[in-house]
Amino acid sequence: TFSQAGTLAFVARGLTFTDWGVTGGPGWFSNSGEFAMEMAAIVGMTLCFLLALRGRMSKRRLYFLIALLTGTALISVIASSSRGGQIAVAVELTLLFVLTAKVRPRTVLIGVTTVIIGWFLVPAEQKARFQTMGDDQTSQLRIFAWGEAWRTTLEYPLTGIGYNNWSDYFDYGENREIHNTTLEATSELGFPGAVLYLCAVGTSLVMNARTRRR
């Protein structure tokens, strides 16, 4: 539902660029960057799941589901105006293509076509943002927030400042997000909480690896 709403919002504004991008509504994904990362995860999960079902459904239904689920999630990432989310999707699709696709003319054609379509869907303003990445105000504010998060961690190494307290603790204008999940866990939960967080991530990867083998 989020991905389809993001796609509709992008189409409604004429596939144009906006600073705020699109969001997932109130809650964890109200920030366009978090929304973009969620959609990037959906792109990989839905595409792998649907490709695993090849041979169990008609090609027409398969392509329809890929467009409805993976395609709308991909467009939502583009609409989000999040450079991090767009880079994540590019890396994700490249790895998936390299690791799973057989080198055939049709496969190469599909890959090249997808890249071209994706590039033309990205607004010119968004392409320009990649050229200033690291130097523009948005990048500098995030680098500053990362430094403040690390400083806070060193100040409260065992307890952190408390879960979900960063936006109240760090009031620097409108920039109230760390935009780094690991640093957010470390600053709010301390080093013990960060270790537990990384253990949860590692456990998820191990469980997924077991599922693939089965």
N, C-alpha and C. Protein backbone atom coordinates (compact mmCIF):
# COMPACT_ATOMS: atom_id res chain seq x y z
N THR A 1 0.83 -1.21 0.00
CA THR A 1 0.00 0.00 0.00
C THR A 1 0.87 1.26 0.00
N PHE A 2 1.93 1.27 0.82
CA PHE A 2 2.83 2.41 0.85
C PHE A 2 3.44 2.67 -0.52
N SER A 3 3.89 1.59 -1.16
CA SER A 3 4.57 1.76 -2.45
C SER A 3 3.62 2.28 -3.51
N GLN A 4 2.39 1.80 -3.49
CA GLN A 4 1.42 2.27 -4.48
C GLN A 4 1.03 3.72 -4.22
N ALA A 5 0.90 4.10 -2.93
CA ALA A 5 0.59 5.48 -2.59
C ALA A 5 1.74 6.41 -3.00
N GLY A 6 2.98 5.96 -2.79
CA GLY A 6 4.13 6.75 -3.20
C GLY A 6 4.18 6.95 -4.70
N THR A 7 3.85 5.89 -5.44
CA THR A 7 3.82 5.99 -6.91
C THR A 7 2.74 6.96 -7.38
N LEU A 8 1.56 6.85 -6.78
CA LEU A 8 0.46 7.75 -7.16
C LEU A 8 0.81 9.21 -6.86
N ALA A 9 1.47 9.45 -5.72
CA ALA A 9 1.87 10.81 -5.37
C ALA A 9 2.88 11.36 -6.38
N PHE A 10 3.80 10.50 -6.82
CA PHE A 10 4.82 10.90 -7.79
C PHE A 10 4.18 11.23 -9.14
N VAL A 11 3.22 10.39 -9.55
CA VAL A 11 2.53 10.63 -10.82
C VAL A 11 1.67 11.88 -10.73
N ALA A 12 1.02 12.09 -9.58
CA ALA A 12 0.12 13.24 -9.41
C ALA A 12 0.87 14.56 -9.51
N ARG A 13 2.14 14.56 -9.10
CA ARG A 13 2.90 15.82 -9.20
C ARG A 13 3.69 15.89 -10.50
N GLY A 14 3.37 15.03 -11.45
CA GLY A 14 3.96 15.09 -12.78
C GLY A 14 5.38 14.59 -12.86
N LEU A 15 5.75 13.62 -12.00
CA LEU A 15 7.09 13.03 -11.97
C LEU A 15 8.17 14.09 -11.73
N THR A 16 7.82 15.12 -10.97
CA THR A 16 8.76 16.22 -10.73
C THR A 16 9.44 16.06 -9.37
N PHE A 17 10.45 16.87 -9.14
CA PHE A 17 11.25 16.81 -7.91
C PHE A 17 10.66 17.71 -6.83
N THR A 18 10.68 17.24 -5.60
CA THR A 18 10.36 18.08 -4.44
C THR A 18 11.37 17.78 -3.34
N ASP A 19 11.67 18.77 -2.51
CA ASP A 19 12.66 18.58 -1.44
C ASP A 19 12.23 17.52 -0.45
N TRP A 20 10.92 17.46 -0.16
CA TRP A 20 10.45 16.53 0.87
C TRP A 20 10.15 15.14 0.32
N GLY A 21 10.18 14.99 -1.00
CA GLY A 21 9.96 13.68 -1.60
C GLY A 21 8.56 13.16 -1.34
N VAL A 22 8.45 11.90 -0.97
CA VAL A 22 7.20 11.30 -0.53
C VAL A 22 7.48 10.55 0.77
N THR A 23 6.44 10.34 1.55
CA THR A 23 6.60 9.67 2.84
C THR A 23 5.57 8.57 2.99
N GLY A 24 5.71 7.81 4.07
CA GLY A 24 4.78 6.72 4.33
C GLY A 24 3.70 7.06 5.32
N GLY A 25 3.47 8.35 5.56
CA GLY A 25 2.45 8.73 6.52
C GLY A 25 3.01 8.79 7.93
N PRO A 26 2.18 9.10 8.93
CA PRO A 26 2.64 9.23 10.31
C PRO A 26 3.26 7.92 10.82
N GLY A 27 4.27 8.04 11.67
CA GLY A 27 4.92 6.85 12.23
C GLY A 27 6.38 6.77 11.85
N TRP A 28 6.90 5.57 11.83
CA TRP A 28 8.33 5.35 11.57
C TRP A 28 8.75 5.83 10.19
N PHE A 29 7.86 5.81 9.23
CA PHE A 29 8.23 6.12 7.85
C PHE A 29 7.73 7.49 7.41
N SER A 30 7.49 8.39 8.38
CA SER A 30 7.05 9.75 8.04
C SER A 30 8.20 10.57 7.46
N ASN A 31 9.43 10.11 7.66
CA ASN A 31 10.60 10.75 7.06
C ASN A 31 10.86 10.12 5.70
N SER A 32 11.11 10.94 4.69
CA SER A 32 11.27 10.41 3.33
C SER A 32 12.48 9.48 3.21
N GLY A 33 13.54 9.75 4.00
CA GLY A 33 14.70 8.88 3.96
C GLY A 33 14.40 7.50 4.50
N GLU A 34 13.68 7.44 5.63
CA GLU A 34 13.30 6.13 6.21
C GLU A 34 12.34 5.41 5.27
N PHE A 35 11.42 6.16 4.67
CA PHE A 35 10.49 5.58 3.71
C PHE A 35 11.23 4.99 2.52
N ALA A 36 12.25 5.70 2.05
CA ALA A 36 13.03 5.22 0.90
C ALA A 36 13.74 3.92 1.23
N MET A 37 14.31 3.82 2.44
CA MET A 37 15.01 2.59 2.81
C MET A 37 14.03 1.43 2.96
N GLU A 38 12.83 1.72 3.47
CA GLU A 38 11.82 0.67 3.55
C GLU A 38 11.46 0.17 2.16
N MET A 39 11.26 1.10 1.23
CA MET A 39 10.91 0.72 -0.13
C MET A 39 12.07 -0.02 -0.81
N ALA A 40 13.30 0.35 -0.49
CA ALA A 40 14.46 -0.35 -1.05
C ALA A 40 14.46 -1.80 -0.58
N ALA A 41 14.11 -2.02 0.68
CA ALA A 41 14.03 -3.40 1.19
C ALA A 41 12.90 -4.15 0.49
N ILE A 42 11.78 -3.47 0.25
CA ILE A 42 10.65 -4.11 -0.42
C ILE A 42 11.00 -4.50 -1.84
N VAL A 43 11.78 -3.67 -2.52
CA VAL A 43 12.21 -3.99 -3.90
C VAL A 43 12.91 -5.34 -3.92
N GLY A 44 13.90 -5.52 -3.04
CA GLY A 44 14.66 -6.76 -3.03
C GLY A 44 13.82 -7.95 -2.61
N MET A 45 13.02 -7.79 -1.55
CA MET A 45 12.24 -8.92 -1.03
C MET A 45 11.18 -9.38 -2.02
N THR A 46 10.43 -8.44 -2.58
CA THR A 46 9.36 -8.85 -3.50
C THR A 46 9.92 -9.43 -4.78
N LEU A 47 11.00 -8.85 -5.30
CA LEU A 47 11.56 -9.36 -6.55
C LEU A 47 12.10 -10.77 -6.36
N CYS A 48 12.85 -11.00 -5.28
CA CYS A 48 13.38 -12.35 -5.04
C CYS A 48 12.25 -13.35 -4.82
N PHE A 49 11.24 -12.95 -4.07
CA PHE A 49 10.11 -13.85 -3.79
C PHE A 49 9.37 -14.21 -5.08
N LEU A 50 9.10 -13.21 -5.91
CA LEU A 50 8.35 -13.47 -7.13
C LEU A 50 9.16 -14.27 -8.13
N LEU A 51 10.47 -14.00 -8.22
CA LEU A 51 11.30 -14.78 -9.14
C LEU A 51 11.38 -16.24 -8.71
N ALA A 52 11.29 -16.47 -7.40
CA ALA A 52 11.30 -17.86 -6.90
C ALA A 52 10.03 -18.61 -7.30
N LEU A 53 8.99 -17.87 -7.67
CA LEU A 53 7.72 -18.50 -8.04
C LEU A 53 7.60 -18.72 -9.55
N ARG A 54 8.68 -18.45 -10.28
CA ARG A 54 8.64 -18.70 -11.72
C ARG A 54 8.34 -20.17 -11.97
N GLY A 55 7.48 -20.44 -12.93
CA GLY A 55 7.09 -21.80 -13.22
C GLY A 55 5.86 -22.24 -12.46
N ARG A 56 5.45 -21.47 -11.43
CA ARG A 56 4.26 -21.81 -10.66
C ARG A 56 3.09 -20.90 -10.98
N MET A 57 3.31 -19.95 -11.86
CA MET A 57 2.23 -19.08 -12.30
C MET A 57 2.53 -18.63 -13.72
N SER A 58 1.53 -18.09 -14.37
CA SER A 58 1.71 -17.64 -15.75
C SER A 58 2.63 -16.42 -15.78
N LYS A 59 3.31 -16.23 -16.91
CA LYS A 59 4.20 -15.10 -17.05
C LYS A 59 3.44 -13.79 -16.93
N ARG A 60 2.21 -13.77 -17.45
CA ARG A 60 1.42 -12.54 -17.37
C ARG A 60 1.18 -12.15 -15.92
N ARG A 61 0.80 -13.11 -15.09
CA ARG A 61 0.55 -12.81 -13.67
C ARG A 61 1.84 -12.44 -12.96
N LEU A 62 2.93 -13.13 -13.31
CA LEU A 62 4.22 -12.84 -12.69
C LEU A 62 4.65 -11.41 -12.98
N TYR A 63 4.57 -11.02 -14.24
CA TYR A 63 4.99 -9.66 -14.62
C TYR A 63 4.07 -8.61 -14.00
N PHE A 64 2.78 -8.94 -13.89
CA PHE A 64 1.85 -8.01 -13.26
C PHE A 64 2.21 -7.79 -11.79
N LEU A 65 2.52 -8.86 -11.07
CA LEU A 65 2.87 -8.74 -9.65
C LEU A 65 4.20 -8.01 -9.47
N ILE A 66 5.16 -8.27 -10.36
CA ILE A 66 6.44 -7.56 -10.27
C ILE A 66 6.22 -6.06 -10.47
N ALA A 67 5.37 -5.70 -11.44
CA ALA A 67 5.08 -4.28 -11.67
C ALA A 67 4.34 -3.68 -10.50
N LEU A 68 3.36 -4.42 -9.94
CA LEU A 68 2.52 -3.90 -8.86
C LEU A 68 3.29 -3.74 -7.56
N LEU A 69 4.17 -4.69 -7.25
CA LEU A 69 4.87 -4.69 -5.97
C LEU A 69 6.28 -4.09 -6.11
N THR A 70 7.13 -4.76 -6.88
CA THR A 70 8.51 -4.30 -7.04
C THR A 70 8.57 -2.96 -7.78
N GLY A 71 7.80 -2.85 -8.85
CA GLY A 71 7.85 -1.64 -9.67
C GLY A 71 7.42 -0.40 -8.91
N THR A 72 6.32 -0.50 -8.16
CA THR A 72 5.84 0.67 -7.42
C THR A 72 6.79 1.02 -6.27
N ALA A 73 7.41 0.01 -5.67
CA ALA A 73 8.40 0.29 -4.62
C ALA A 73 9.61 1.01 -5.20
N LEU A 74 10.04 0.58 -6.39
CA LEU A 74 11.17 1.23 -7.06
C LEU A 74 10.85 2.69 -7.41
N ILE A 75 9.65 2.92 -7.93
CA ILE A 75 9.25 4.29 -8.26
C ILE A 75 9.14 5.14 -7.00
N SER A 76 8.69 4.55 -5.89
CA SER A 76 8.60 5.29 -4.63
C SER A 76 9.97 5.73 -4.14
N VAL A 77 10.97 4.88 -4.35
CA VAL A 77 12.34 5.26 -3.97
C VAL A 77 12.79 6.47 -4.79
N ILE A 78 12.50 6.44 -6.08
CA ILE A 78 12.85 7.58 -6.94
C ILE A 78 12.10 8.83 -6.48
N ALA A 79 10.81 8.66 -6.14
CA ALA A 79 9.98 9.80 -5.74
C ALA A 79 10.40 10.37 -4.40
N SER A 80 11.07 9.57 -3.57
CA SER A 80 11.42 10.00 -2.21
C SER A 80 12.47 11.11 -2.18
N SER A 81 13.21 11.28 -3.27
CA SER A 81 14.31 12.25 -3.35
C SER A 81 15.45 11.91 -2.40
N SER A 82 15.51 10.66 -1.95
CA SER A 82 16.55 10.22 -1.03
C SER A 82 17.71 9.61 -1.80
N ARG A 83 18.87 10.25 -1.73
CA ARG A 83 20.04 9.72 -2.44
C ARG A 83 20.46 8.38 -1.86
N GLY A 84 20.41 8.26 -0.54
CA GLY A 84 20.80 7.00 0.08
C GLY A 84 19.93 5.85 -0.36
N GLY A 85 18.62 6.07 -0.41
CA GLY A 85 17.70 5.02 -0.84
C GLY A 85 17.93 4.63 -2.29
N GLN A 86 18.20 5.61 -3.14
CA GLN A 86 18.41 5.33 -4.55
C GLN A 86 19.72 4.58 -4.78
N ILE A 87 20.75 4.94 -4.04
CA ILE A 87 22.02 4.21 -4.14
C ILE A 87 21.83 2.78 -3.65
N ALA A 88 21.07 2.61 -2.56
CA ALA A 88 20.82 1.27 -2.02
C ALA A 88 20.12 0.38 -3.05
N VAL A 89 19.12 0.92 -3.74
CA VAL A 89 18.41 0.14 -4.75
C VAL A 89 19.32 -0.21 -5.91
N ALA A 90 20.15 0.75 -6.34
CA ALA A 90 21.06 0.49 -7.45
C ALA A 90 22.03 -0.64 -7.12
N VAL A 91 22.59 -0.61 -5.91
CA VAL A 91 23.50 -1.67 -5.48
C VAL A 91 22.76 -2.99 -5.36
N GLU A 92 21.57 -2.94 -4.80
CA GLU A 92 20.75 -4.13 -4.59
C GLU A 92 20.44 -4.83 -5.91
N LEU A 93 19.95 -4.07 -6.88
CA LEU A 93 19.59 -4.66 -8.17
C LEU A 93 20.82 -5.14 -8.94
N THR A 94 21.94 -4.41 -8.80
CA THR A 94 23.17 -4.84 -9.46
C THR A 94 23.65 -6.18 -8.91
N LEU A 95 23.66 -6.31 -7.59
CA LEU A 95 24.08 -7.57 -6.98
C LEU A 95 23.15 -8.71 -7.36
N LEU A 96 21.86 -8.43 -7.35
CA LEU A 96 20.89 -9.47 -7.72
C LEU A 96 21.09 -9.91 -9.15
N PHE A 97 21.34 -8.95 -10.03
CA PHE A 97 21.53 -9.26 -11.44
C PHE A 97 22.80 -10.08 -11.65
N VAL A 98 23.89 -9.68 -10.98
CA VAL A 98 25.17 -10.36 -11.15
C VAL A 98 25.13 -11.77 -10.57
N LEU A 99 24.47 -11.93 -9.42
CA LEU A 99 24.50 -13.21 -8.71
C LEU A 99 23.50 -14.23 -9.25
N THR A 100 22.42 -13.77 -9.86
CA THR A 100 21.37 -14.72 -10.24
C THR A 100 21.12 -14.82 -11.73
N ALA A 101 21.40 -13.76 -12.47
CA ALA A 101 21.03 -13.76 -13.88
C ALA A 101 22.06 -14.50 -14.73
N LYS A 102 21.56 -15.24 -15.69
CA LYS A 102 22.43 -15.87 -16.67
C LYS A 102 22.72 -14.86 -17.79
N VAL A 103 23.94 -14.87 -18.26
CA VAL A 103 24.33 -13.89 -19.28
C VAL A 103 23.74 -14.30 -20.62
N ARG A 104 22.61 -13.70 -20.92
CA ARG A 104 21.94 -13.92 -22.18
C ARG A 104 21.62 -12.56 -22.79
N PRO A 105 21.48 -12.49 -24.10
CA PRO A 105 21.13 -11.20 -24.72
C PRO A 105 19.85 -10.61 -24.13
N ARG A 106 18.84 -11.47 -23.90
CA ARG A 106 17.58 -10.96 -23.37
C ARG A 106 17.77 -10.41 -21.96
N THR A 107 18.57 -11.09 -21.14
CA THR A 107 18.81 -10.64 -19.78
C THR A 107 19.53 -9.31 -19.76
N VAL A 108 20.56 -9.19 -20.60
CA VAL A 108 21.30 -7.94 -20.68
C VAL A 108 20.39 -6.82 -21.17
N LEU A 109 19.53 -7.12 -22.14
CA LEU A 109 18.61 -6.11 -22.67
C LEU A 109 17.65 -5.62 -21.59
N ILE A 110 17.12 -6.56 -20.81
CA ILE A 110 16.21 -6.18 -19.72
C ILE A 110 16.93 -5.32 -18.69
N GLY A 111 18.16 -5.70 -18.35
CA GLY A 111 18.93 -4.93 -17.37
C GLY A 111 19.22 -3.52 -17.85
N VAL A 112 19.67 -3.40 -19.09
CA VAL A 112 19.98 -2.08 -19.66
C VAL A 112 18.72 -1.23 -19.76
N THR A 113 17.62 -1.84 -20.20
CA THR A 113 16.36 -1.11 -20.32
C THR A 113 15.88 -0.59 -18.97
N THR A 114 16.01 -1.42 -17.94
CA THR A 114 15.60 -1.01 -16.60
C THR A 114 16.41 0.20 -16.12
N VAL A 115 17.72 0.16 -16.38
CA VAL A 115 18.59 1.27 -15.97
C VAL A 115 18.21 2.55 -16.71
N ILE A 116 17.97 2.43 -18.00
CA ILE A 116 17.62 3.62 -18.80
C ILE A 116 16.30 4.22 -18.34
N ILE A 117 15.29 3.37 -18.14
CA ILE A 117 13.99 3.86 -17.68
C ILE A 117 14.12 4.53 -16.31
N GLY A 118 14.86 3.86 -15.41
CA GLY A 118 15.06 4.42 -14.08
C GLY A 118 15.76 5.77 -14.13
N TRP A 119 16.76 5.89 -15.02
CA TRP A 119 17.52 7.15 -15.12
C TRP A 119 16.63 8.28 -15.64
N PHE A 120 15.77 7.98 -16.61
CA PHE A 120 14.89 9.02 -17.15
C PHE A 120 13.78 9.40 -16.17
N LEU A 121 13.42 8.47 -15.26
CA LEU A 121 12.40 8.79 -14.27
C LEU A 121 12.93 9.71 -13.18
N VAL A 122 14.25 9.67 -12.95
CA VAL A 122 14.84 10.52 -11.91
C VAL A 122 14.82 11.97 -12.40
N PRO A 123 14.17 12.89 -11.65
CA PRO A 123 14.13 14.29 -12.07
C PRO A 123 15.53 14.89 -12.17
N ALA A 124 15.67 15.92 -12.99
CA ALA A 124 16.98 16.56 -13.21
C ALA A 124 17.53 17.13 -11.91
N GLU A 125 16.64 17.68 -11.07
CA GLU A 125 17.10 18.25 -9.80
C GLU A 125 17.71 17.18 -8.90
N GLN A 126 17.14 15.97 -8.95
CA GLN A 126 17.67 14.89 -8.14
C GLN A 126 19.03 14.43 -8.66
N LYS A 127 19.20 14.40 -9.97
CA LYS A 127 20.49 14.05 -10.54
C LYS A 127 21.55 15.06 -10.12
N ALA A 128 21.14 16.34 -10.08
CA ALA A 128 22.08 17.39 -9.67
C ALA A 128 22.51 17.22 -8.22
N ARG A 129 21.62 16.68 -7.39
CA ARG A 129 21.95 16.50 -5.97
C ARG A 129 23.09 15.50 -5.78
N PHE A 130 23.22 14.54 -6.68
CA PHE A 130 24.31 13.58 -6.58
C PHE A 130 25.66 14.26 -6.83
N GLN A 131 25.65 15.30 -7.63
CA GLN A 131 26.90 16.00 -7.93
C GLN A 131 27.39 16.82 -6.73
N THR A 132 26.48 17.22 -5.86
CA THR A 132 26.85 18.02 -4.68
C THR A 132 26.87 17.19 -3.40
N MET A 133 26.72 15.88 -3.53
CA MET A 133 26.65 15.01 -2.35
C MET A 133 27.93 15.13 -1.52
N GLY A 134 27.77 15.39 -0.24
CA GLY A 134 28.89 15.55 0.66
C GLY A 134 29.24 16.99 0.95
N ASP A 135 28.83 17.90 0.04
CA ASP A 135 29.15 19.32 0.19
C ASP A 135 27.94 20.21 0.44
N ASP A 136 26.74 19.74 0.06
CA ASP A 136 25.57 20.59 0.21
C ASP A 136 25.12 20.65 1.67
N GLN A 137 24.14 21.51 1.95
CA GLN A 137 23.70 21.74 3.32
C GLN A 137 23.14 20.47 3.95
N THR A 138 22.36 19.71 3.18
CA THR A 138 21.78 18.48 3.72
C THR A 138 22.88 17.52 4.18
N SER A 139 23.90 17.34 3.36
CA SER A 139 25.00 16.44 3.72
C SER A 139 25.73 16.95 4.95
N GLN A 140 25.99 18.25 5.01
CA GLN A 140 26.73 18.81 6.13
C GLN A 140 25.95 18.68 7.43
N LEU A 141 24.63 18.88 7.37
CA LEU A 141 23.80 18.73 8.57
C LEU A 141 23.81 17.29 9.06
N ARG A 142 23.81 16.35 8.14
CA ARG A 142 23.81 14.94 8.56
C ARG A 142 25.17 14.55 9.14
N ILE A 143 26.23 15.03 8.54
CA ILE A 143 27.56 14.75 9.08
C ILE A 143 27.67 15.34 10.49
N PHE A 144 27.11 16.54 10.67
CA PHE A 144 27.10 17.17 11.99
C PHE A 144 26.29 16.34 12.99
N ALA A 145 25.13 15.84 12.55
CA ALA A 145 24.29 15.02 13.42
C ALA A 145 25.00 13.73 13.80
N TRP A 146 25.71 13.12 12.86
CA TRP A 146 26.46 11.89 13.17
C TRP A 146 27.52 12.16 14.24
N GLY A 147 28.20 13.30 14.09
CA GLY A 147 29.21 13.64 15.08
C GLY A 147 28.61 13.87 16.45
N GLU A 148 27.44 14.53 16.49
CA GLU A 148 26.77 14.77 17.76
C GLU A 148 26.27 13.45 18.37
N ALA A 149 25.82 12.54 17.53
CA ALA A 149 25.36 11.24 18.03
C ALA A 149 26.52 10.47 18.66
N TRP A 150 27.68 10.51 18.03
CA TRP A 150 28.85 9.82 18.58
C TRP A 150 29.31 10.48 19.87
N ARG A 151 29.27 11.82 19.91
CA ARG A 151 29.64 12.52 21.13
C ARG A 151 28.69 12.16 22.27
N THR A 152 27.40 12.07 21.96
CA THR A 152 26.41 11.70 22.97
C THR A 152 26.65 10.28 23.47
N THR A 153 27.02 9.39 22.56
CA THR A 153 27.31 8.01 22.95
C THR A 153 28.46 7.95 23.94
N LEU A 154 29.50 8.71 23.65
CA LEU A 154 30.65 8.71 24.56
C LEU A 154 30.30 9.34 25.90
N GLU A 155 29.33 10.24 25.91
CA GLU A 155 28.91 10.87 27.16
C GLU A 155 28.05 9.93 28.01
N TYR A 156 27.23 9.10 27.33
CA TYR A 156 26.37 8.13 28.03
C TYR A 156 26.63 6.73 27.44
N PRO A 157 27.81 6.16 27.65
CA PRO A 157 28.19 4.92 26.96
C PRO A 157 27.39 3.69 27.37
N LEU A 158 26.91 3.65 28.62
CA LEU A 158 26.24 2.45 29.11
C LEU A 158 24.72 2.52 28.99
N THR A 159 24.16 3.70 29.10
CA THR A 159 22.70 3.82 29.12
C THR A 159 22.14 4.51 27.89
N GLY A 160 22.94 5.35 27.24
CA GLY A 160 22.40 6.18 26.18
C GLY A 160 21.45 7.22 26.75
N ILE A 161 20.75 7.90 25.90
CA ILE A 161 19.83 8.94 26.36
C ILE A 161 18.39 8.43 26.45
N GLY A 162 18.18 7.16 26.15
CA GLY A 162 16.84 6.58 26.23
C GLY A 162 16.22 6.37 24.86
N TYR A 163 15.48 5.30 24.76
CA TYR A 163 14.88 4.92 23.48
C TYR A 163 13.95 6.01 22.94
N ASN A 164 14.13 6.34 21.68
CA ASN A 164 13.28 7.29 20.96
C ASN A 164 13.34 8.69 21.55
N ASN A 165 14.44 9.05 22.20
CA ASN A 165 14.58 10.36 22.82
C ASN A 165 15.44 11.34 22.02
N TRP A 166 15.99 10.89 20.90
CA TRP A 166 16.94 11.75 20.18
C TRP A 166 16.30 13.05 19.69
N SER A 167 15.10 12.99 19.16
CA SER A 167 14.48 14.19 18.59
C SER A 167 14.23 15.24 19.67
N ASP A 168 14.02 14.81 20.92
CA ASP A 168 13.85 15.77 22.02
C ASP A 168 15.20 16.23 22.57
N TYR A 169 16.16 15.33 22.57
CA TYR A 169 17.48 15.67 23.12
C TYR A 169 18.25 16.59 22.19
N PHE A 170 18.17 16.31 20.90
CA PHE A 170 18.95 17.06 19.92
C PHE A 170 18.01 17.96 19.13
N ASP A 171 17.86 19.19 19.56
CA ASP A 171 16.97 20.13 18.90
C ASP A 171 17.82 21.15 18.14
N TYR A 172 18.07 20.83 16.87
CA TYR A 172 18.90 21.70 16.04
C TYR A 172 18.08 22.11 14.83
N GLY A 173 17.18 23.07 15.05
CA GLY A 173 16.31 23.50 13.97
C GLY A 173 15.39 22.39 13.53
N GLU A 174 15.29 22.19 12.22
CA GLU A 174 14.42 21.15 11.68
C GLU A 174 15.16 19.83 11.51
N ASN A 175 16.45 19.81 11.74
CA ASN A 175 17.23 18.59 11.55
C ASN A 175 17.24 17.78 12.85
N ARG A 176 16.24 16.94 13.01
CA ARG A 176 16.10 16.18 14.26
C ARG A 176 16.32 14.69 14.05
N GLU A 177 16.75 14.30 12.89
CA GLU A 177 16.99 12.90 12.59
C GLU A 177 18.49 12.64 12.46
N ILE A 178 18.94 11.45 12.94
CA ILE A 178 20.34 11.09 12.80
C ILE A 178 20.63 10.58 11.38
N HIS A 179 19.66 9.92 10.79
CA HIS A 179 19.82 9.33 9.46
C HIS A 179 20.93 8.28 9.45
N ASN A 180 21.06 7.57 10.55
CA ASN A 180 22.01 6.45 10.64
C ASN A 180 21.49 5.53 11.73
N THR A 181 20.96 4.38 11.35
CA THR A 181 20.28 3.51 12.30
C THR A 181 21.21 3.03 13.39
N THR A 182 22.44 2.66 13.03
CA THR A 182 23.38 2.15 14.03
C THR A 182 23.74 3.22 15.04
N LEU A 183 24.02 4.44 14.56
CA LEU A 183 24.34 5.53 15.48
C LEU A 183 23.13 5.90 16.34
N GLU A 184 21.95 5.79 15.77
CA GLU A 184 20.75 6.09 16.54
C GLU A 184 20.58 5.08 17.68
N ALA A 185 20.78 3.80 17.38
CA ALA A 185 20.69 2.78 18.43
C ALA A 185 21.77 2.99 19.49
N THR A 186 22.98 3.35 19.05
CA THR A 186 24.09 3.53 19.99
C THR A 186 23.87 4.73 20.90
N SER A 187 23.44 5.85 20.33
CA SER A 187 23.26 7.06 21.14
C SER A 187 22.07 6.95 22.08
N GLU A 188 21.03 6.25 21.67
CA GLU A 188 19.83 6.14 22.52
C GLU A 188 19.90 4.99 23.51
N LEU A 189 20.62 3.94 23.18
CA LEU A 189 20.65 2.74 24.02
C LEU A 189 22.02 2.44 24.60
N GLY A 190 23.03 3.23 24.25
CA GLY A 190 24.38 2.97 24.73
C GLY A 190 25.01 1.81 23.98
N PHE A 191 26.25 1.50 24.34
CA PHE A 191 26.95 0.39 23.67
C PHE A 191 26.28 -0.96 23.89
N PRO A 192 25.74 -1.25 25.10
CA PRO A 192 25.04 -2.54 25.27
C PRO A 192 23.85 -2.67 24.32
N GLY A 193 23.07 -1.59 24.18
CA GLY A 193 21.93 -1.64 23.27
C GLY A 193 22.36 -1.78 21.82
N ALA A 194 23.48 -1.13 21.47
CA ALA A 194 23.98 -1.24 20.10
C ALA A 194 24.42 -2.67 19.79
N VAL A 195 25.03 -3.33 20.78
CA VAL A 195 25.45 -4.72 20.58
C VAL A 195 24.23 -5.61 20.36
N LEU A 196 23.18 -5.39 21.16
CA LEU A 196 21.96 -6.17 20.98
C LEU A 196 21.32 -5.91 19.62
N TYR A 197 21.37 -4.66 19.18
CA TYR A 197 20.82 -4.32 17.87
C TYR A 197 21.57 -5.04 16.76
N LEU A 198 22.90 -5.01 16.83
CA LEU A 198 23.71 -5.67 15.80
C LEU A 198 23.51 -7.19 15.86
N CYS A 199 23.30 -7.73 17.06
CA CYS A 199 23.01 -9.16 17.18
C CYS A 199 21.68 -9.50 16.50
N ALA A 200 20.69 -8.62 16.64
CA ALA A 200 19.40 -8.84 15.99
C ALA A 200 19.55 -8.83 14.48
N VAL A 201 20.36 -7.89 13.96
CA VAL A 201 20.60 -7.83 12.52
C VAL A 201 21.32 -9.10 12.05
N GLY A 202 22.35 -9.51 12.80
CA GLY A 202 23.08 -10.72 12.44
C GLY A 202 22.20 -11.95 12.48
N THR A 203 21.34 -12.04 13.49
CA THR A 203 20.42 -13.18 13.59
C THR A 203 19.48 -13.24 12.39
N SER A 204 19.01 -12.08 11.97
CA SER A 204 18.13 -12.03 10.80
C SER A 204 18.85 -12.55 9.56
N LEU A 205 20.11 -12.17 9.39
CA LEU A 205 20.87 -12.64 8.22
C LEU A 205 21.08 -14.15 8.28
N VAL A 206 21.38 -14.65 9.47
CA VAL A 206 21.58 -16.11 9.62
C VAL A 206 20.29 -16.87 9.33
N MET A 207 19.17 -16.38 9.85
CA MET A 207 17.89 -17.05 9.61
C MET A 207 17.52 -17.03 8.14
N ASN A 208 17.80 -15.91 7.48
CA ASN A 208 17.52 -15.84 6.04
C ASN A 208 18.40 -16.83 5.26
N ALA A 209 19.66 -16.97 5.68
CA ALA A 209 20.56 -17.90 5.00
C ALA A 209 20.05 -19.34 5.18
N ARG A 210 19.57 -19.67 6.37
CA ARG A 210 19.01 -21.01 6.60
C ARG A 210 17.77 -21.24 5.76
N THR A 211 16.94 -20.22 5.65
CA THR A 211 15.73 -20.34 4.87
C THR A 211 16.05 -20.58 3.41
N ARG A 212 17.06 -19.88 2.87
CA ARG A 212 17.46 -20.08 1.48
C ARG A 212 17.94 -21.52 1.24
N ARG A 213 18.74 -22.04 2.20
CA ARG A 213 19.24 -23.41 2.03
C ARG A 213 18.08 -24.42 2.02
N ARG A 214 17.10 -24.20 2.86
CA ARG A 214 15.94 -25.11 2.90
C ARG A 214 15.12 -25.04 1.62
